[in-house]
Amino acid sequence: MSDLAGKVVAITGGARGIGYATARELLDQGCRVAIGDIDEVRLKEAALELGIETYARLDVTDPSSFRAFLDLVESEVGELDVLVNNAGIMPTGHTHEEQDAVTRRQVEINLLGVIYGTKQALERMLPRDRGHIINTASLAGELAVPGLATYCGTKHAVIGFTEAVRLEYRKTGIRVSTVRPTFTNTELVAGTEGAKGIRNAEPEEIARATAELIAKPKPFVRVTKVAGGMVTAMKFVPRRVAEGLAAKLGADDVFLDDVDTAARQGYLDRIRDN
């Protein structure tokens, strides 16, 4: 992917997890990378570890914060080639027990943050007639998962929004895509075991898929191939069969009764405080 060398890439939620792995992968490919994250302490640590000089506290739910971040990127690194809207949170549990503040936080970060970032990137890219916006969605944006109702709703919305934007600007030089990971071994899945027989992805796999998407743009990529294939196949079988299979794989309980709440508490505290 030598054609990635020199591209200016901004990544939201870049201090840990998929965002961090993506930053590292793109740096290895010769990109010039800037990261933003709401966790200032971890952000500074990540920038130091990765050797990134341009970074800033970023609240993706605040358009002015997003604009300041992208202004910084373009002033210190160069004209934005790629924006990776990666920031997201994933609380679990029964829908009727989810606090309204938690519901709102998911919608603001997972969906509004993507919309704000996409709009601001378009403003910068359209006059130059080039650029690529990559929005991190999820296979949960194609398949309903008990215990993740609001999260699924936001990721379904990210896919719908991104597809509409892609079609709207397909006759320009702007490319718009989604990355759709299966559940990935980051803090988001702390305290959960995953579905039977389907392994979680590693952040590095999502990072590699993102890099390949920049090198060879297409509307979306699913990761892993096995999980993506299963999600696709379930769309072509009777609903009762698909739901029965999901239940046998443990999907009905993996984010509800099977959650280790103690192991997950640190993550929940962090996303609440930020």
C-alpha atoms as a PDB file:
ATOM      1  CA  MET A   1       0.000   0.000   0.000  1.00  0.00           C
ATOM      2  CA  SER A   2       2.824   2.367  -0.912  1.00  0.00           C
ATOM      3  CA  ASP A   3       0.281   4.789  -2.388  1.00  0.00           C
ATOM      4  CA  LEU A   4      -0.722   5.708   1.176  1.00  0.00           C
ATOM      5  CA  ALA A   5       2.598   7.404   1.834  1.00  0.00           C
ATOM      6  CA  GLY A   6       2.208  11.066   2.693  1.00  0.00           C
ATOM      7  CA  LYS A   7      -1.564  11.069   3.098  1.00  0.00           C
ATOM      8  CA  VAL A   8      -2.835  13.284   5.902  1.00  0.00           C
ATOM      9  CA  VAL A   9      -5.185  11.293   8.118  1.00  0.00           C
ATOM     10  CA  ALA A  10      -7.156  12.467  11.159  1.00  0.00           C
ATOM     11  CA  ILE A  11      -8.584   9.826  13.500  1.00  0.00           C
ATOM     12  CA  THR A  12     -11.177  10.380  16.201  1.00  0.00           C
ATOM     13  CA  GLY A  13     -11.098   8.183  19.281  1.00  0.00           C
ATOM     14  CA  GLY A  14      -7.430   7.649  18.495  1.00  0.00           C
ATOM     15  CA  ALA A  15      -6.110   7.175  22.018  1.00  0.00           C
ATOM     16  CA  ARG A  16      -6.981   3.505  22.405  1.00  0.00           C
ATOM     17  CA  GLY A  17      -8.556   0.452  20.811  1.00  0.00           C
ATOM     18  CA  ILE A  18      -9.326   0.451  17.100  1.00  0.00           C
ATOM     19  CA  GLY A  19      -8.405   4.128  16.709  1.00  0.00           C
ATOM     20  CA  TYR A  20      -4.976   3.586  18.243  1.00  0.00           C
ATOM     21  CA  ALA A  21      -4.328   0.472  16.143  1.00  0.00           C
ATOM     22  CA  THR A  22      -5.433   2.323  13.010  1.00  0.00           C
ATOM     23  CA  ALA A  23      -3.091   5.208  13.762  1.00  0.00           C
ATOM     24  CA  ARG A  24      -0.195   2.804  14.180  1.00  0.00           C
ATOM     25  CA  GLU A  25      -1.022   0.912  10.975  1.00  0.00           C
ATOM     26  CA  LEU A  26      -1.287   4.098   8.923  1.00  0.00           C
ATOM     27  CA  LEU A  27       1.941   5.475  10.362  1.00  0.00           C
ATOM     28  CA  ASP A  28       3.618   2.232   9.308  1.00  0.00           C
ATOM     29  CA  GLN A  29       2.224   2.796   5.804  1.00  0.00           C
ATOM     30  CA  GLY A  30       3.809   6.246   5.657  1.00  0.00           C
ATOM     31  CA  CYS A  31       0.757   8.375   6.381  1.00  0.00           C
ATOM     32  CA  ARG A  32       0.943  11.598   8.356  1.00  0.00           C
ATOM     33  CA  VAL A  33      -1.450  10.971  11.209  1.00  0.00           C
ATOM     34  CA  ALA A  34      -3.152  13.177  13.799  1.00  0.00           C
ATOM     35  CA  ILE A  35      -5.345  11.827  16.570  1.00  0.00           C
ATOM     36  CA  GLY A  36      -8.103  13.300  18.698  1.00  0.00           C
ATOM     37  CA  ASP A  37      -9.719  11.908  21.818  1.00  0.00           C
ATOM     38  CA  ILE A  38     -11.708  13.167  24.777  1.00  0.00           C
ATOM     39  CA  ASP A  39      -9.415  11.428  27.282  1.00  0.00           C
ATOM     40  CA  GLU A  40      -6.549  13.912  27.474  1.00  0.00           C
ATOM     41  CA  VAL A  41      -4.307  11.803  29.716  1.00  0.00           C
ATOM     42  CA  ARG A  42      -4.472   8.716  27.552  1.00  0.00           C
ATOM     43  CA  LEU A  43      -4.285  10.867  24.411  1.00  0.00           C
ATOM     44  CA  LYS A  44      -0.904  12.276  25.416  1.00  0.00           C
ATOM     45  CA  GLU A  45       0.361   8.814  26.292  1.00  0.00           C
ATOM     46  CA  ALA A  46      -0.806   7.417  22.945  1.00  0.00           C
ATOM     47  CA  ALA A  47       0.761  10.263  20.982  1.00  0.00           C
ATOM     48  CA  LEU A  48       4.063   9.705  22.756  1.00  0.00           C
ATOM     49  CA  GLU A  49       3.949   5.952  22.158  1.00  0.00           C
ATOM     50  CA  LEU A  50       3.138   6.399  18.471  1.00  0.00           C
ATOM     51  CA  GLY A  51       5.460   9.324  17.858  1.00  0.00           C
ATOM     52  CA  ILE A  52       2.574  11.574  16.797  1.00  0.00           C
ATOM     53  CA  GLU A  53       3.196  15.291  17.167  1.00  0.00           C
ATOM     54  CA  THR A  54      -0.265  16.595  16.275  1.00  0.00           C
ATOM     55  CA  TYR A  55      -3.032  15.641  18.660  1.00  0.00           C
ATOM     56  CA  ALA A  56      -5.791  17.409  20.552  1.00  0.00           C
ATOM     57  CA  ARG A  57      -8.564  16.829  23.015  1.00  0.00           C
ATOM     58  CA  LEU A  58     -11.641  16.240  20.889  1.00  0.00           C
ATOM     59  CA  ASP A  59     -15.268  16.092  21.946  1.00  0.00           C
ATOM     60  CA  VAL A  60     -16.978  14.766  18.825  1.00  0.00           C
ATOM     61  CA  THR A  61     -20.367  15.830  20.180  1.00  0.00           C
ATOM     62  CA  ASP A  62     -19.303  19.483  20.009  1.00  0.00           C
ATOM     63  CA  PRO A  63     -19.039  20.872  16.449  1.00  0.00           C
ATOM     64  CA  SER A  64     -16.720  23.673  17.581  1.00  0.00           C
ATOM     65  CA  SER A  65     -14.353  21.144  19.172  1.00  0.00           C
ATOM     66  CA  PHE A  66     -14.377  19.110  15.962  1.00  0.00           C
ATOM     67  CA  ARG A  67     -13.661  22.202  13.874  1.00  0.00           C
ATOM     68  CA  ALA A  68     -10.766  23.215  16.110  1.00  0.00           C
ATOM     69  CA  PHE A  69      -9.289  19.714  15.795  1.00  0.00           C
ATOM     70  CA  LEU A  70      -9.466  19.690  11.998  1.00  0.00           C
ATOM     71  CA  ASP A  71      -8.116  23.253  11.846  1.00  0.00           C
ATOM     72  CA  LEU A  72      -5.146  22.096  13.906  1.00  0.00           C
ATOM     73  CA  VAL A  73      -4.578  19.117  11.640  1.00  0.00           C
ATOM     74  CA  GLU A  74      -4.567  21.228   8.501  1.00  0.00           C
ATOM     75  CA  SER A  75      -2.376  23.921   9.995  1.00  0.00           C
ATOM     76  CA  GLU A  76       0.240  21.549  11.431  1.00  0.00           C
ATOM     77  CA  VAL A  77       0.120  18.480   9.176  1.00  0.00           C
ATOM     78  CA  GLY A  78      -1.423  19.507   5.864  1.00  0.00           C
ATOM     79  CA  GLU A  79      -4.635  19.426   3.858  1.00  0.00           C
ATOM     80  CA  LEU A  80      -6.887  16.654   5.106  1.00  0.00           C
ATOM     81  CA  ASP A  81      -6.909  13.594   2.855  1.00  0.00           C
ATOM     82  CA  VAL A  82      -8.752  11.155   5.117  1.00  0.00           C
ATOM     83  CA  LEU A  83     -10.993  11.493   8.156  1.00  0.00           C
ATOM     84  CA  VAL A  84     -11.638   8.329  10.151  1.00  0.00           C
ATOM     85  CA  ASN A  85     -14.698   8.880  12.351  1.00  0.00           C
ATOM     86  CA  ASN A  86     -13.904   6.153  14.847  1.00  0.00           C
ATOM     87  CA  ALA A  87     -15.016   7.412  18.277  1.00  0.00           C
ATOM     88  CA  GLY A  88     -17.809   5.350  19.828  1.00  0.00           C
ATOM     89  CA  ILE A  89     -19.132   3.802  23.031  1.00  0.00           C
ATOM     90  CA  MET A  90     -21.029   0.571  23.715  1.00  0.00           C
ATOM     91  CA  PRO A  91     -22.892   0.192  27.012  1.00  0.00           C
ATOM     92  CA  THR A  92     -24.777  -3.099  27.412  1.00  0.00           C
ATOM     93  CA  GLY A  93     -27.912  -4.172  29.233  1.00  0.00           C
ATOM     94  CA  HIS A  94     -31.682  -4.328  29.162  1.00  0.00           C
ATOM     95  CA  THR A  95     -33.278  -1.467  27.262  1.00  0.00           C
ATOM     96  CA  HIS A  96     -35.800  -0.616  29.978  1.00  0.00           C
ATOM     97  CA  GLU A  97     -32.967  -0.256  32.510  1.00  0.00           C
ATOM     98  CA  GLU A  98     -30.797   2.032  30.385  1.00  0.00           C
ATOM     99  CA  GLN A  99     -30.554   5.494  31.878  1.00  0.00           C
ATOM    100  CA  ASP A 100     -31.650   8.333  29.609  1.00  0.00           C
ATOM    101  CA  ALA A 101     -28.246   9.984  29.957  1.00  0.00           C
ATOM    102  CA  VAL A 102     -26.577   6.804  28.672  1.00  0.00           C
ATOM    103  CA  THR A 103     -28.977   6.631  25.737  1.00  0.00           C
ATOM    104  CA  ARG A 104     -28.316  10.247  24.839  1.00  0.00           C
ATOM    105  CA  ARG A 105     -24.547   9.800  25.161  1.00  0.00           C
ATOM    106  CA  GLN A 106     -24.541   6.926  22.665  1.00  0.00           C
ATOM    107  CA  VAL A 107     -26.563   8.872  20.127  1.00  0.00           C
ATOM    108  CA  GLU A 108     -24.391  11.949  20.532  1.00  0.00           C
ATOM    109  CA  ILE A 109     -21.050  10.140  20.235  1.00  0.00           C
ATOM    110  CA  ASN A 110     -21.840   7.263  17.896  1.00  0.00           C
ATOM    111  CA  LEU A 111     -24.112   9.106  15.481  1.00  0.00           C
ATOM    112  CA  LEU A 112     -23.993  12.881  15.868  1.00  0.00           C
ATOM    113  CA  GLY A 113     -20.201  12.797  16.148  1.00  0.00           C
ATOM    114  CA  VAL A 114     -20.042  10.966  12.817  1.00  0.00           C
ATOM    115  CA  ILE A 115     -22.448  13.419  11.204  1.00  0.00           C
ATOM    116  CA  TYR A 116     -20.586  16.474  12.483  1.00  0.00           C
ATOM    117  CA  GLY A 117     -17.231  15.089  11.364  1.00  0.00           C
ATOM    118  CA  THR A 118     -18.529  14.091   7.942  1.00  0.00           C
ATOM    119  CA  LYS A 119     -20.033  17.528   7.297  1.00  0.00           C
ATOM    120  CA  GLN A 120     -16.898  19.365   8.337  1.00  0.00           C
ATOM    121  CA  ALA A 121     -14.653  17.087   6.302  1.00  0.00           C
ATOM    122  CA  LEU A 122     -16.849  17.632   3.246  1.00  0.00           C
ATOM    123  CA  GLU A 123     -16.540  21.400   3.650  1.00  0.00           C
ATOM    124  CA  ARG A 124     -12.771  21.064   3.428  1.00  0.00           C
ATOM    125  CA  MET A 125     -12.570  18.362   0.766  1.00  0.00           C
ATOM    126  CA  LEU A 126     -15.144  19.572  -1.759  1.00  0.00           C
ATOM    127  CA  PRO A 127     -13.243  22.696  -2.894  1.00  0.00           C
ATOM    128  CA  ARG A 128     -10.256  20.412  -3.575  1.00  0.00           C
ATOM    129  CA  ASP A 129     -12.443  17.703  -5.154  1.00  0.00           C
ATOM    130  CA  ARG A 130     -10.599  14.942  -3.306  1.00  0.00           C
ATOM    131  CA  GLY A 131     -10.668  13.177   0.011  1.00  0.00           C
ATOM    132  CA  HIS A 132     -11.990  10.124   1.802  1.00  0.00           C
ATOM    133  CA  ILE A 133     -14.299   9.910   4.817  1.00  0.00           C
ATOM    134  CA  ILE A 134     -14.393   6.583   6.634  1.00  0.00           C
ATOM    135  CA  ASN A 135     -17.041   6.067   9.284  1.00  0.00           C
ATOM    136  CA  THR A 136     -16.604   3.191  11.709  1.00  0.00           C
ATOM    137  CA  ALA A 137     -19.933   1.399  11.953  1.00  0.00           C
ATOM    138  CA  SER A 138     -20.391  -2.208  13.099  1.00  0.00           C
ATOM    139  CA  LEU A 139     -21.883  -5.487  11.991  1.00  0.00           C
ATOM    140  CA  ALA A 140     -24.345  -4.646  14.764  1.00  0.00           C
ATOM    141  CA  GLY A 141     -25.502  -1.977  12.341  1.00  0.00           C
ATOM    142  CA  GLU A 142     -26.748  -4.746  10.065  1.00  0.00           C
ATOM    143  CA  LEU A 143     -27.897  -7.286  12.630  1.00  0.00           C
ATOM    144  CA  ALA A 144     -29.977  -6.783  15.785  1.00  0.00           C
ATOM    145  CA  VAL A 145     -28.249  -7.812  19.013  1.00  0.00           C
ATOM    146  CA  PRO A 146     -30.161  -8.160  22.316  1.00  0.00           C
ATOM    147  CA  GLY A 147     -28.590  -6.042  25.032  1.00  0.00           C
ATOM    148  CA  LEU A 148     -27.288  -3.483  22.541  1.00  0.00           C
ATOM    149  CA  ALA A 149     -30.505  -1.881  21.317  1.00  0.00           C
ATOM    150  CA  THR A 150     -29.373   1.732  21.394  1.00  0.00           C
ATOM    151  CA  TYR A 151     -25.903   0.849  20.125  1.00  0.00           C
ATOM    152  CA  CYS A 152     -27.422  -1.114  17.239  1.00  0.00           C
ATOM    153  CA  GLY A 153     -29.704   1.810  16.489  1.00  0.00           C
ATOM    154  CA  THR A 154     -26.802   4.222  16.266  1.00  0.00           C
ATOM    155  CA  LYS A 155     -24.774   1.913  14.042  1.00  0.00           C
ATOM    156  CA  HIS A 156     -27.727   1.237  11.745  1.00  0.00           C
ATOM    157  CA  ALA A 157     -28.035   5.002  11.473  1.00  0.00           C
ATOM    158  CA  VAL A 158     -24.330   5.441  10.727  1.00  0.00           C
ATOM    159  CA  ILE A 159     -24.615   2.994   7.845  1.00  0.00           C
ATOM    160  CA  GLY A 160     -27.734   4.678   6.460  1.00  0.00           C
ATOM    161  CA  PHE A 161     -26.267   8.143   6.803  1.00  0.00           C
ATOM    162  CA  THR A 162     -22.960   7.163   5.210  1.00  0.00           C
ATOM    163  CA  GLU A 163     -24.603   5.400   2.285  1.00  0.00           C
ATOM    164  CA  ALA A 164     -26.772   8.452   1.582  1.00  0.00           C
ATOM    165  CA  VAL A 165     -23.758  10.774   1.735  1.00  0.00           C
ATOM    166  CA  ARG A 166     -21.787   8.433  -0.520  1.00  0.00           C
ATOM    167  CA  LEU A 167     -24.521   8.541  -3.158  1.00  0.00           C
ATOM    168  CA  GLU A 168     -24.917  12.294  -2.824  1.00  0.00           C
ATOM    169  CA  TYR A 169     -21.245  12.927  -3.575  1.00  0.00           C
ATOM    170  CA  ARG A 170     -20.404   9.959  -5.777  1.00  0.00           C
ATOM    171  CA  LYS A 171     -19.902  12.222  -8.821  1.00  0.00           C
ATOM    172  CA  THR A 172     -17.227  14.220  -7.013  1.00  0.00           C
ATOM    173  CA  GLY A 173     -13.710  13.233  -6.043  1.00  0.00           C
ATOM    174  CA  ILE A 174     -14.842  12.493  -2.475  1.00  0.00           C
ATOM    175  CA  ARG A 175     -15.048   8.876  -1.333  1.00  0.00           C
ATOM    176  CA  VAL A 176     -17.262   7.907   1.617  1.00  0.00           C
ATOM    177  CA  SER A 177     -17.125   4.478   3.246  1.00  0.00           C
ATOM    178  CA  THR A 178     -17.956   2.444   6.325  1.00  0.00           C
ATOM    179  CA  VAL A 179     -15.866  -0.093   8.168  1.00  0.00           C
ATOM    180  CA  ARG A 180     -18.118  -2.688   9.780  1.00  0.00           C
ATOM    181  CA  PRO A 181     -16.262  -4.687  12.428  1.00  0.00           C
ATOM    182  CA  THR A 182     -17.550  -7.644  14.337  1.00  0.00           C
ATOM    183  CA  PHE A 183     -17.114  -7.361  18.090  1.00  0.00           C
ATOM    184  CA  THR A 184     -13.480  -6.503  18.634  1.00  0.00           C
ATOM    185  CA  ASN A 185     -11.173  -7.166  21.563  1.00  0.00           C
ATOM    186  CA  THR A 186     -11.090  -3.674  23.023  1.00  0.00           C
ATOM    187  CA  GLU A 187     -12.584  -2.166  26.164  1.00  0.00           C
ATOM    188  CA  LEU A 188     -15.970  -2.055  24.438  1.00  0.00           C
ATOM    189  CA  VAL A 189     -16.403  -5.809  24.954  1.00  0.00           C
ATOM    190  CA  ALA A 190     -14.862  -6.014  28.430  1.00  0.00           C
ATOM    191  CA  GLY A 191     -16.714  -8.545  30.574  1.00  0.00           C
ATOM    192  CA  THR A 192     -18.325 -10.347  27.637  1.00  0.00           C
ATOM    193  CA  GLU A 193     -17.477 -13.685  26.036  1.00  0.00           C
ATOM    194  CA  GLY A 194     -18.764 -13.269  22.496  1.00  0.00           C
ATOM    195  CA  ALA A 195     -20.962 -15.633  20.497  1.00  0.00           C
ATOM    196  CA  LYS A 196     -20.132 -19.335  20.462  1.00  0.00           C
ATOM    197  CA  GLY A 197     -17.893 -20.411  17.627  1.00  0.00           C
ATOM    198  CA  ILE A 198     -17.316 -16.874  16.316  1.00  0.00           C
ATOM    199  CA  ARG A 199     -14.101 -15.248  17.371  1.00  0.00           C
ATOM    200  CA  ASN A 200     -13.840 -11.568  18.112  1.00  0.00           C
ATOM    201  CA  ALA A 201     -11.633  -9.521  15.827  1.00  0.00           C
ATOM    202  CA  GLU A 202      -8.403  -7.902  16.967  1.00  0.00           C
ATOM    203  CA  PRO A 203      -7.997  -4.128  16.626  1.00  0.00           C
ATOM    204  CA  GLU A 204      -5.117  -4.684  14.228  1.00  0.00           C
ATOM    205  CA  GLU A 205      -7.444  -6.468  11.802  1.00  0.00           C
ATOM    206  CA  ILE A 206      -9.776  -3.486  11.707  1.00  0.00           C
ATOM    207  CA  ALA A 207      -6.800  -1.186  11.289  1.00  0.00           C
ATOM    208  CA  ARG A 208      -5.505  -3.207   8.361  1.00  0.00           C
ATOM    209  CA  ALA A 209      -8.941  -3.214   6.712  1.00  0.00           C
ATOM    210  CA  THR A 210      -9.143   0.555   7.094  1.00  0.00           C
ATOM    211  CA  ALA A 211      -5.742   1.006   5.487  1.00  0.00           C
ATOM    212  CA  GLU A 212      -6.765  -1.215   2.584  1.00  0.00           C
ATOM    213  CA  LEU A 213      -9.984   0.767   2.218  1.00  0.00           C
ATOM    214  CA  ILE A 214      -7.985   3.986   1.876  1.00  0.00           C
ATOM    215  CA  ALA A 215      -5.667   2.382  -0.667  1.00  0.00           C
ATOM    216  CA  LYS A 216      -8.536   0.883  -2.684  1.00  0.00           C
ATOM    217  CA  PRO A 217     -11.761   2.764  -1.874  1.00  0.00           C
ATOM    218  CA  LYS A 218     -15.092   0.947  -1.890  1.00  0.00           C
ATOM    219  CA  PRO A 219     -18.402   1.589  -0.126  1.00  0.00           C
ATOM    220  CA  PHE A 220     -17.750  -0.656   2.860  1.00  0.00           C
ATOM    221  CA  VAL A 221     -15.771  -3.520   4.287  1.00  0.00           C
ATOM    222  CA  ARG A 222     -16.874  -6.141   6.820  1.00  0.00           C
ATOM    223  CA  VAL A 223     -14.392  -7.570   9.332  1.00  0.00           C
ATOM    224  CA  THR A 224     -13.943 -10.468   9.913  1.00  0.00           C
ATOM    225  CA  LYS A 225     -14.800 -12.256   6.687  1.00  0.00           C
ATOM    226  CA  VAL A 226     -16.438 -15.121   8.614  1.00  0.00           C
ATOM    227  CA  ALA A 227     -18.600 -12.864  10.781  1.00  0.00           C
ATOM    228  CA  GLY A 228     -19.424 -10.659   7.815  1.00  0.00           C
ATOM    229  CA  GLY A 229     -20.392 -13.686   5.763  1.00  0.00           C
ATOM    230  CA  MET A 230     -22.698 -14.938   8.509  1.00  0.00           C
ATOM    231  CA  VAL A 231     -24.402 -11.552   8.824  1.00  0.00           C
ATOM    232  CA  THR A 232     -24.930 -11.435   5.070  1.00  0.00           C
ATOM    233  CA  ALA A 233     -26.260 -14.989   4.954  1.00  0.00           C
ATOM    234  CA  MET A 234     -28.777 -14.337   7.729  1.00  0.00           C
ATOM    235  CA  LYS A 235     -30.462 -11.766   5.502  1.00  0.00           C
ATOM    236  CA  PHE A 236     -31.401 -14.507   3.041  1.00  0.00           C
ATOM    237  CA  VAL A 237     -32.854 -17.111   5.397  1.00  0.00           C
ATOM    238  CA  PRO A 238     -36.263 -17.072   7.089  1.00  0.00           C
ATOM    239  CA  ARG A 239     -36.367 -14.843  10.159  1.00  0.00           C
ATOM    240  CA  ARG A 240     -37.274 -17.736  12.452  1.00  0.00           C
ATOM    241  CA  VAL A 241     -34.256 -19.707  11.274  1.00  0.00           C
ATOM    242  CA  ALA A 242     -31.896 -16.748  11.652  1.00  0.00           C
ATOM    243  CA  GLU A 243     -33.142 -15.943  15.137  1.00  0.00           C
ATOM    244  CA  GLY A 244     -32.971 -19.597  16.177  1.00  0.00           C
ATOM    245  CA  LEU A 245     -29.377 -19.864  14.991  1.00  0.00           C
ATOM    246  CA  ALA A 246     -28.423 -16.676  16.797  1.00  0.00           C
ATOM    247  CA  ALA A 247     -29.971 -18.025  20.004  1.00  0.00           C
ATOM    248  CA  LYS A 248     -28.001 -21.279  19.717  1.00  0.00           C
ATOM    249  CA  LEU A 249     -24.808 -19.257  19.326  1.00  0.00           C
ATOM    250  CA  GLY A 250     -25.627 -17.464  22.574  1.00  0.00           C
ATOM    251  CA  ALA A 251     -26.380 -14.082  21.030  1.00  0.00           C
ATOM    252  CA  ASP A 252     -29.529 -13.681  23.134  1.00  0.00           C
ATOM    253  CA  ASP A 253     -27.561 -13.525  26.382  1.00  0.00           C
ATOM    254  CA  VAL A 254     -23.998 -12.493  25.576  1.00  0.00           C
ATOM    255  CA  PHE A 255     -24.707  -8.801  26.253  1.00  0.00           C
ATOM    256  CA  LEU A 256     -27.362  -9.395  28.900  1.00  0.00           C
ATOM    257  CA  ASP A 257     -27.251 -12.181  31.485  1.00  0.00           C
ATOM    258  CA  ASP A 258     -23.764 -13.411  30.567  1.00  0.00           C
ATOM    259  CA  VAL A 259     -22.011 -10.077  31.161  1.00  0.00           C
ATOM    260  CA  ASP A 260     -19.398  -9.915  33.933  1.00  0.00           C
ATOM    261  CA  THR A 261     -20.431  -6.550  35.331  1.00  0.00           C
ATOM    262  CA  ALA A 262     -17.426  -6.273  37.642  1.00  0.00           C
ATOM    263  CA  ALA A 263     -14.992  -6.751  34.747  1.00  0.00           C
ATOM    264  CA  ARG A 264     -16.890  -4.148  32.767  1.00  0.00           C
ATOM    265  CA  GLN A 265     -17.177  -1.517  35.467  1.00  0.00           C
ATOM    266  CA  GLY A 266     -13.929   0.293  34.665  1.00  0.00           C
ATOM    267  CA  TYR A 267     -15.007   0.889  31.078  1.00  0.00           C
ATOM    268  CA  LEU A 268     -18.454   2.072  32.123  1.00  0.00           C
ATOM    269  CA  ASP A 269     -16.975   4.489  34.649  1.00  0.00           C
ATOM    270  CA  ARG A 270     -14.645   5.941  32.034  1.00  0.00           C
ATOM    271  CA  ILE A 271     -17.275   6.569  29.378  1.00  0.00           C
ATOM    272  CA  ARG A 272     -19.601   8.057  31.995  1.00  0.00           C
ATOM    273  CA  ASP A 273     -16.949  10.440  33.300  1.00  0.00           C
ATOM    274  CA  ASN A 274     -15.961  11.515  29.774  1.00  0.00           C
END
